[in-house]
């Protein structure tokens, strides 16, 4: 069970969404346990949604697709 997230100050989210990959519409990955602890899963989901991006959980990582276009799951 995850512990409650630390008080949110916005630093980590600002850091994530200021990455060059985000500006180019690429993909960024974050460790799930770290993100859940430092940001909080619900807050991260809200931030991703507010930008029109997509996020999937895959193994120990969150994969954030920094593009507002549709997604076709190939396999």
PDB file of N, CA and C in Angstrom:
ATOM      1  N   UNK A   1       0.844  -1.181   0.000  1.00  0.00           N
ATOM      2  CA  UNK A   1       0.000   0.000   0.000  1.00  0.00           C
ATOM      3  C   UNK A   1       0.888   1.243   0.000  1.00  0.00           C
ATOM      4  N   UNK A   2       0.507   2.216  -0.796  1.00  0.00           N
ATOM      5  CA  UNK A   2       1.287   3.441  -0.896  1.00  0.00           C
ATOM      6  C   UNK A   2       0.974   4.368   0.268  1.00  0.00           C
ATOM      7  N   UNK A   3       1.993   5.083   0.668  1.00  0.00           N
ATOM      8  CA  UNK A   3       1.767   6.090   1.697  1.00  0.00           C
ATOM      9  C   UNK A   3       1.148   7.322   1.049  1.00  0.00           C
ATOM     10  N   UNK A   4       0.495   8.173   1.819  1.00  0.00           N
ATOM     11  CA  UNK A   4      -0.100   9.381   1.244  1.00  0.00           C
ATOM     12  C   UNK A   4       0.984  10.262   0.632  1.00  0.00           C
ATOM     13  N   UNK A   5       0.645  10.985  -0.428  1.00  0.00           N
ATOM     14  CA  UNK A   5       1.645  11.850  -1.038  1.00  0.00           C
ATOM     15  C   UNK A   5       2.068  12.957  -0.090  1.00  0.00           C
ATOM     16  N   UNK A   6       3.267  13.448  -0.324  1.00  0.00           N
ATOM     17  CA  UNK A   6       3.765  14.579   0.454  1.00  0.00           C
ATOM     18  C   UNK A   6       2.987  15.823   0.043  1.00  0.00           C
ATOM     19  N   UNK A   7       3.003  16.871   0.840  1.00  0.00           N
ATOM     20  CA  UNK A   7       2.294  18.090   0.454  1.00  0.00           C
ATOM     21  C   UNK A   7       2.754  18.560  -0.922  1.00  0.00           C
ATOM     22  N   UNK A   8       1.818  18.885  -1.769  1.00  0.00           N
ATOM     23  CA  UNK A   8       2.116  19.242  -3.155  1.00  0.00           C
ATOM     24  C   UNK A   8       2.543  20.694  -3.257  1.00  0.00           C
ATOM     25  N   UNK A   9       3.704  20.900  -3.889  1.00  0.00           N
ATOM     26  CA  UNK A   9       4.156  22.277  -4.087  1.00  0.00           C
ATOM     27  C   UNK A   9       4.281  22.636  -5.561  1.00  0.00           C
ATOM     28  N   UNK A  10       4.015  21.687  -6.448  1.00  0.00           N
ATOM     29  CA  UNK A  10       4.055  21.978  -7.875  1.00  0.00           C
ATOM     30  C   UNK A  10       5.417  21.852  -8.525  1.00  0.00           C
ATOM     31  N   UNK A  11       6.475  21.740  -7.734  1.00  0.00           N
ATOM     32  CA  UNK A  11       7.830  21.700  -8.288  1.00  0.00           C
ATOM     33  C   UNK A  11       8.017  20.534  -9.250  1.00  0.00           C
ATOM     34  N   UNK A  12       7.636  19.339  -8.833  1.00  0.00           N
ATOM     35  CA  UNK A  12       7.872  18.159  -9.655  1.00  0.00           C
ATOM     36  C   UNK A  12       7.034  18.183 -10.928  1.00  0.00           C
ATOM     37  N   UNK A  13       5.814  18.635 -10.847  1.00  0.00           N
ATOM     38  CA  UNK A  13       4.968  18.708 -12.033  1.00  0.00           C
ATOM     39  C   UNK A  13       5.526  19.752 -13.000  1.00  0.00           C
ATOM     40  N   UNK A  14       5.947  20.882 -12.482  1.00  0.00           N
ATOM     41  CA  UNK A  14       6.541  21.905 -13.341  1.00  0.00           C
ATOM     42  C   UNK A  14       7.791  21.359 -14.024  1.00  0.00           C
ATOM     43  N   UNK A  15       8.582  20.611 -13.282  1.00  0.00           N
ATOM     44  CA  UNK A  15       9.796  20.007 -13.840  1.00  0.00           C
ATOM     45  C   UNK A  15       9.443  19.033 -14.963  1.00  0.00           C
ATOM     46  N   UNK A  16       8.467  18.185 -14.734  1.00  0.00           N
ATOM     47  CA  UNK A  16       8.055  17.203 -15.735  1.00  0.00           C
ATOM     48  C   UNK A  16       7.587  17.882 -17.014  1.00  0.00           C
ATOM     49  N   UNK A  17       6.674  18.822 -16.884  1.00  0.00           N
ATOM     50  CA  UNK A  17       6.066  19.412 -18.060  1.00  0.00           C
ATOM     51  C   UNK A  17       6.902  20.524 -18.696  1.00  0.00           C
ATOM     52  N   UNK A  18       8.082  20.806 -18.165  1.00  0.00           N
ATOM     53  CA  UNK A  18       8.991  21.756 -18.814  1.00  0.00           C
ATOM     54  C   UNK A  18      10.074  21.033 -19.604  1.00  0.00           C
ATOM     55  N   UNK A  19      10.050  19.697 -19.603  1.00  0.00           N
ATOM     56  CA  UNK A  19      11.051  18.914 -20.325  1.00  0.00           C
ATOM     57  C   UNK A  19      10.953  19.198 -21.832  1.00  0.00           C
ATOM     58  N   UNK A  20      12.093  19.144 -22.509  1.00  0.00           N
ATOM     59  CA  UNK A  20      12.115  19.376 -23.956  1.00  0.00           C
ATOM     60  C   UNK A  20      11.243  18.367 -24.692  1.00  0.00           C
ATOM     61  N   UNK A  21      11.197  17.135 -24.205  1.00  0.00           N
ATOM     62  CA  UNK A  21      10.382  16.103 -24.845  1.00  0.00           C
ATOM     63  C   UNK A  21       8.912  16.498 -24.860  1.00  0.00           C
ATOM     64  N   UNK A  22       8.455  17.158 -23.825  1.00  0.00           N
ATOM     65  CA  UNK A  22       7.060  17.589 -23.754  1.00  0.00           C
ATOM     66  C   UNK A  22       6.785  18.616 -24.846  1.00  0.00           C
ATOM     67  N   UNK A  23       7.677  19.570 -25.002  1.00  0.00           N
ATOM     68  CA  UNK A  23       7.507  20.618 -26.006  1.00  0.00           C
ATOM     69  C   UNK A  23       7.490  20.044 -27.421  1.00  0.00           C
ATOM     70  N   UNK A  24       8.193  18.933 -27.628  1.00  0.00           N
ATOM     71  CA  UNK A  24       8.246  18.298 -28.953  1.00  0.00           C
ATOM     72  C   UNK A  24       7.106  17.309 -29.157  1.00  0.00           C
ATOM     73  N   UNK A  25       6.256  17.111 -28.155  1.00  0.00           N
ATOM     74  CA  UNK A  25       5.144  16.186 -28.274  1.00  0.00           C
ATOM     75  C   UNK A  25       5.566  14.735 -28.158  1.00  0.00           C
ATOM     76  N   UNK A  26       6.641  14.480 -27.452  1.00  0.00           N
ATOM     77  CA  UNK A  26       7.175  13.129 -27.308  1.00  0.00           C
ATOM     78  C   UNK A  26       6.594  12.418 -26.091  1.00  0.00           C
ATOM     79  N   UNK A  27       7.300  11.430 -25.616  1.00  0.00           N
ATOM     80  CA  UNK A  27       6.877  10.606 -24.492  1.00  0.00           C
ATOM     81  C   UNK A  27       7.847  10.805 -23.338  1.00  0.00           C
ATOM     82  N   UNK A  28       7.305  10.903 -22.126  1.00  0.00           N
ATOM     83  CA  UNK A  28       8.148  10.945 -20.929  1.00  0.00           C
ATOM     84  C   UNK A  28       7.724   9.810 -20.008  1.00  0.00           C
ATOM     85  N   UNK A  29       8.673   9.315 -19.216  1.00  0.00           N
ATOM     86  CA  UNK A  29       8.400   8.217 -18.292  1.00  0.00           C
ATOM     87  C   UNK A  29       8.773   8.645 -16.889  1.00  0.00           C
ATOM     88  N   UNK A  30       7.970   8.213 -15.935  1.00  0.00           N
ATOM     89  CA  UNK A  30       8.274   8.448 -14.523  1.00  0.00           C
ATOM     90  C   UNK A  30       8.043   7.174 -13.746  1.00  0.00           C
ATOM     91  N   UNK A  31       8.852   6.936 -12.765  1.00  0.00           N
ATOM     92  CA  UNK A  31       8.682   5.803 -11.867  1.00  0.00           C
ATOM     93  C   UNK A  31       7.365   5.963 -11.106  1.00  0.00           C
ATOM     94  N   UNK A  32       6.518   4.943 -11.159  1.00  0.00           N
ATOM     95  CA  UNK A  32       5.189   5.034 -10.546  1.00  0.00           C
ATOM     96  C   UNK A  32       5.250   5.255  -9.038  1.00  0.00           C
ATOM     97  N   UNK A  33       6.060   4.474  -8.366  1.00  0.00           N
ATOM     98  CA  UNK A  33       6.121   4.603  -6.899  1.00  0.00           C
ATOM     99  C   UNK A  33       6.594   5.992  -6.500  1.00  0.00           C
ATOM    100  N   UNK A  34       7.581   6.512  -7.190  1.00  0.00           N
ATOM    101  CA  UNK A  34       8.102   7.843  -6.873  1.00  0.00           C
ATOM    102  C   UNK A  34       7.032   8.907  -7.147  1.00  0.00           C
ATOM    103  N   UNK A  35       6.392   8.827  -8.317  1.00  0.00           N
ATOM    104  CA  UNK A  35       5.374   9.825  -8.669  1.00  0.00           C
ATOM    105  C   UNK A  35       4.196   9.776  -7.701  1.00  0.00           C
ATOM    106  N   UNK A  36       3.765   8.556  -7.341  1.00  0.00           N
ATOM    107  CA  UNK A  36       2.657   8.432  -6.392  1.00  0.00           C
ATOM    108  C   UNK A  36       3.016   9.044  -5.044  1.00  0.00           C
ATOM    109  N   UNK A  37       4.256   8.867  -4.632  1.00  0.00           N
ATOM    110  CA  UNK A  37       4.700   9.376  -3.332  1.00  0.00           C
ATOM    111  C   UNK A  37       4.916  10.889  -3.364  1.00  0.00           C
ATOM    112  N   UNK A  38       5.559  11.383  -4.399  1.00  0.00           N
ATOM    113  CA  UNK A  38       5.952  12.800  -4.439  1.00  0.00           C
ATOM    114  C   UNK A  38       4.870  13.733  -4.977  1.00  0.00           C
ATOM    115  N   UNK A  39       4.042  13.245  -5.881  1.00  0.00           N
ATOM    116  CA  UNK A  39       3.022  14.091  -6.508  1.00  0.00           C
ATOM    117  C   UNK A  39       1.633  13.640  -6.099  1.00  0.00           C
ATOM    118  N   UNK A  40       1.440  12.339  -6.123  1.00  0.00           N
ATOM    119  CA  UNK A  40       0.114  11.762  -5.895  1.00  0.00           C
ATOM    120  C   UNK A  40      -0.495  11.385  -7.231  1.00  0.00           C
ATOM    121  N   UNK A  41      -1.004  10.179  -7.305  1.00  0.00           N
ATOM    122  CA  UNK A  41      -1.538   9.665  -8.566  1.00  0.00           C
ATOM    123  C   UNK A  41      -2.668  10.541  -9.099  1.00  0.00           C
ATOM    124  N   UNK A  42      -3.614  10.897  -8.245  1.00  0.00           N
ATOM    125  CA  UNK A  42      -4.756  11.701  -8.690  1.00  0.00           C
ATOM    126  C   UNK A  42      -4.321  13.060  -9.214  1.00  0.00           C
ATOM    127  N   UNK A  43      -3.364  13.673  -8.540  1.00  0.00           N
ATOM    128  CA  UNK A  43      -2.883  14.989  -8.979  1.00  0.00           C
ATOM    129  C   UNK A  43      -2.179  14.880 -10.327  1.00  0.00           C
ATOM    130  N   UNK A  44      -1.358  13.834 -10.502  1.00  0.00           N
ATOM    131  CA  UNK A  44      -0.664  13.646 -11.769  1.00  0.00           C
ATOM    132  C   UNK A  44      -1.669  13.419 -12.894  1.00  0.00           C
ATOM    133  N   UNK A  45      -2.669  12.592 -12.654  1.00  0.00           N
ATOM    134  CA  UNK A  45      -3.703  12.355 -13.664  1.00  0.00           C
ATOM    135  C   UNK A  45      -4.396  13.665 -14.027  1.00  0.00           C
ATOM    136  N   UNK A  46      -4.728  14.467 -13.045  1.00  0.00           N
ATOM    137  CA  UNK A  46      -5.391  15.755 -13.297  1.00  0.00           C
ATOM    138  C   UNK A  46      -4.508  16.674 -14.145  1.00  0.00           C
ATOM    139  N   UNK A  47      -3.216  16.707 -13.844  1.00  0.00           N
ATOM    140  CA  UNK A  47      -2.290  17.549 -14.603  1.00  0.00           C
ATOM    141  C   UNK A  47      -2.175  17.075 -16.048  1.00  0.00           C
ATOM    142  N   UNK A  48      -2.103  15.764 -16.239  1.00  0.00           N
ATOM    143  CA  UNK A  48      -2.004  15.211 -17.598  1.00  0.00           C
ATOM    144  C   UNK A  48      -3.285  15.530 -18.369  1.00  0.00           C
ATOM    145  N   UNK A  49      -4.428  15.295 -17.750  1.00  0.00           N
ATOM    146  CA  UNK A  49      -5.714  15.573 -18.408  1.00  0.00           C
ATOM    147  C   UNK A  49      -5.875  17.047 -18.748  1.00  0.00           C
ATOM    148  N   UNK A  50      -5.448  17.925 -17.850  1.00  0.00           N
ATOM    149  CA  UNK A  50      -5.619  19.360 -18.089  1.00  0.00           C
ATOM    150  C   UNK A  50      -4.855  19.829 -19.320  1.00  0.00           C
ATOM    151  N   UNK A  51      -3.835  19.078 -19.719  1.00  0.00           N
ATOM    152  CA  UNK A  51      -3.046  19.414 -20.899  1.00  0.00           C
ATOM    153  C   UNK A  51      -3.520  18.669 -22.146  1.00  0.00           C
ATOM    154  N   UNK A  52      -4.503  17.795 -21.976  1.00  0.00           N
ATOM    155  CA  UNK A  52      -5.011  17.026 -23.105  1.00  0.00           C
ATOM    156  C   UNK A  52      -4.085  15.895 -23.514  1.00  0.00           C
ATOM    157  N   UNK A  53      -3.146  15.519 -22.638  1.00  0.00           N
ATOM    158  CA  UNK A  53      -2.202  14.443 -22.925  1.00  0.00           C
ATOM    159  C   UNK A  53      -2.811  13.108 -22.491  1.00  0.00           C
ATOM    160  N   UNK A  54      -2.045  12.045 -22.666  1.00  0.00           N
ATOM    161  CA  UNK A  54      -2.486  10.701 -22.313  1.00  0.00           C
ATOM    162  C   UNK A  54      -1.458  10.068 -21.381  1.00  0.00           C
ATOM    163  N   UNK A  55      -1.913   9.199 -20.487  1.00  0.00           N
ATOM    164  CA  UNK A  55      -0.996   8.530 -19.564  1.00  0.00           C
ATOM    165  C   UNK A  55      -1.397   7.077 -19.438  1.00  0.00           C
ATOM    166  N   UNK A  56      -0.400   6.200 -19.463  1.00  0.00           N
ATOM    167  CA  UNK A  56      -0.637   4.788 -19.211  1.00  0.00           C
ATOM    168  C   UNK A  56       0.309   4.336 -18.112  1.00  0.00           C
ATOM    169  N   UNK A  57      -0.111   3.305 -17.414  1.00  0.00           N
ATOM    170  CA  UNK A  57       0.749   2.674 -16.411  1.00  0.00           C
ATOM    171  C   UNK A  57       1.254   1.391 -17.037  1.00  0.00           C
ATOM    172  N   UNK A  58       2.553   1.210 -17.041  1.00  0.00           N
ATOM    173  CA  UNK A  58       3.163   0.033 -17.646  1.00  0.00           C
ATOM    174  C   UNK A  58       4.292  -0.432 -16.734  1.00  0.00           C
ATOM    175  N   UNK A  59       4.068  -1.573 -16.074  1.00  0.00           N
ATOM    176  CA  UNK A  59       5.069  -2.065 -15.136  1.00  0.00           C
ATOM    177  C   UNK A  59       5.299  -1.029 -14.059  1.00  0.00           C
ATOM    178  N   UNK A  60       6.561  -0.717 -13.763  1.00  0.00           N
ATOM    179  CA  UNK A  60       6.851   0.229 -12.684  1.00  0.00           C
ATOM    180  C   UNK A  60       6.855   1.690 -13.131  1.00  0.00           C
ATOM    181  N   UNK A  61       6.352   1.989 -14.324  1.00  0.00           N
ATOM    182  CA  UNK A  61       6.435   3.347 -14.840  1.00  0.00           C
ATOM    183  C   UNK A  61       5.088   3.889 -15.288  1.00  0.00           C
ATOM    184  N   UNK A  62       4.981   5.211 -15.205  1.00  0.00           N
ATOM    185  CA  UNK A  62       3.916   5.929 -15.896  1.00  0.00           C
ATOM    186  C   UNK A  62       4.528   6.411 -17.197  1.00  0.00           C
ATOM    187  N   UNK A  63       3.815   6.226 -18.276  1.00  0.00           N
ATOM    188  CA  UNK A  63       4.245   6.712 -19.581  1.00  0.00           C
ATOM    189  C   UNK A  63       3.265   7.805 -19.972  1.00  0.00           C
ATOM    190  N   UNK A  64       3.785   9.008 -20.171  1.00  0.00           N
ATOM    191  CA  UNK A  64       2.943  10.149 -20.516  1.00  0.00           C
ATOM    192  C   UNK A  64       3.226  10.517 -21.966  1.00  0.00           C
ATOM    193  N   UNK A  65       2.171  10.469 -22.763  1.00  0.00           N
ATOM    194  CA  UNK A  65       2.259  10.789 -24.182  1.00  0.00           C
ATOM    195  C   UNK A  65       1.856  12.245 -24.319  1.00  0.00           C
ATOM    196  N   UNK A  66       2.824  13.083 -24.613  1.00  0.00           N
ATOM    197  CA  UNK A  66       2.627  14.533 -24.602  1.00  0.00           C
ATOM    198  C   UNK A  66       2.143  15.023 -25.957  1.00  0.00           C
ATOM    199  N   UNK A  67       0.990  14.503 -26.348  1.00  0.00           N
ATOM    200  CA  UNK A  67       0.404  14.823 -27.627  1.00  0.00           C
ATOM    201  C   UNK A  67      -1.103  14.732 -27.446  1.00  0.00           C
ATOM    202  N   UNK A  68      -1.810  15.674 -28.015  1.00  0.00           N
ATOM    203  CA  UNK A  68      -3.273  15.709 -27.851  1.00  0.00           C
ATOM    204  C   UNK A  68      -3.995  14.830 -28.866  1.00  0.00           C
ATOM    205  N   UNK A  69      -3.256  14.238 -29.786  1.00  0.00           N
ATOM    206  CA  UNK A  69      -3.872  13.391 -30.820  1.00  0.00           C
ATOM    207  C   UNK A  69      -4.411  12.092 -30.252  1.00  0.00           C
ATOM    208  N   UNK A  70      -5.118  11.365 -31.090  1.00  0.00           N
ATOM    209  CA  UNK A  70      -5.679  10.083 -30.693  1.00  0.00           C
ATOM    210  C   UNK A  70      -4.590   9.029 -30.531  1.00  0.00           C
ATOM    211  N   UNK A  71      -4.975   7.924 -29.906  1.00  0.00           N
ATOM    212  CA  UNK A  71      -4.045   6.827 -29.681  1.00  0.00           C
ATOM    213  C   UNK A  71      -4.648   5.557 -30.280  1.00  0.00           C
ATOM    214  N   UNK A  72      -3.854   4.834 -31.054  1.00  0.00           N
ATOM    215  CA  UNK A  72      -4.231   3.520 -31.553  1.00  0.00           C
ATOM    216  C   UNK A  72      -3.321   2.508 -30.891  1.00  0.00           C
ATOM    217  N   UNK A  73      -3.889   1.638 -30.065  1.00  0.00           N
ATOM    218  CA  UNK A  73      -3.097   0.581 -29.426  1.00  0.00           C
ATOM    219  C   UNK A  73      -2.854  -0.495 -30.477  1.00  0.00           C
ATOM    220  N   UNK A  74      -1.620  -0.754 -30.801  1.00  0.00           N
ATOM    221  CA  UNK A  74      -1.267  -1.706 -31.851  1.00  0.00           C
ATOM    222  C   UNK A  74      -1.210  -3.131 -31.303  1.00  0.00           C
ATOM    223  N   UNK A  75      -0.554  -3.315 -30.204  1.00  0.00           N
ATOM    224  CA  UNK A  75      -0.502  -4.650 -29.600  1.00  0.00           C
ATOM    225  C   UNK A  75      -0.206  -4.530 -28.112  1.00  0.00           C
TER     226      UNK A  75
END
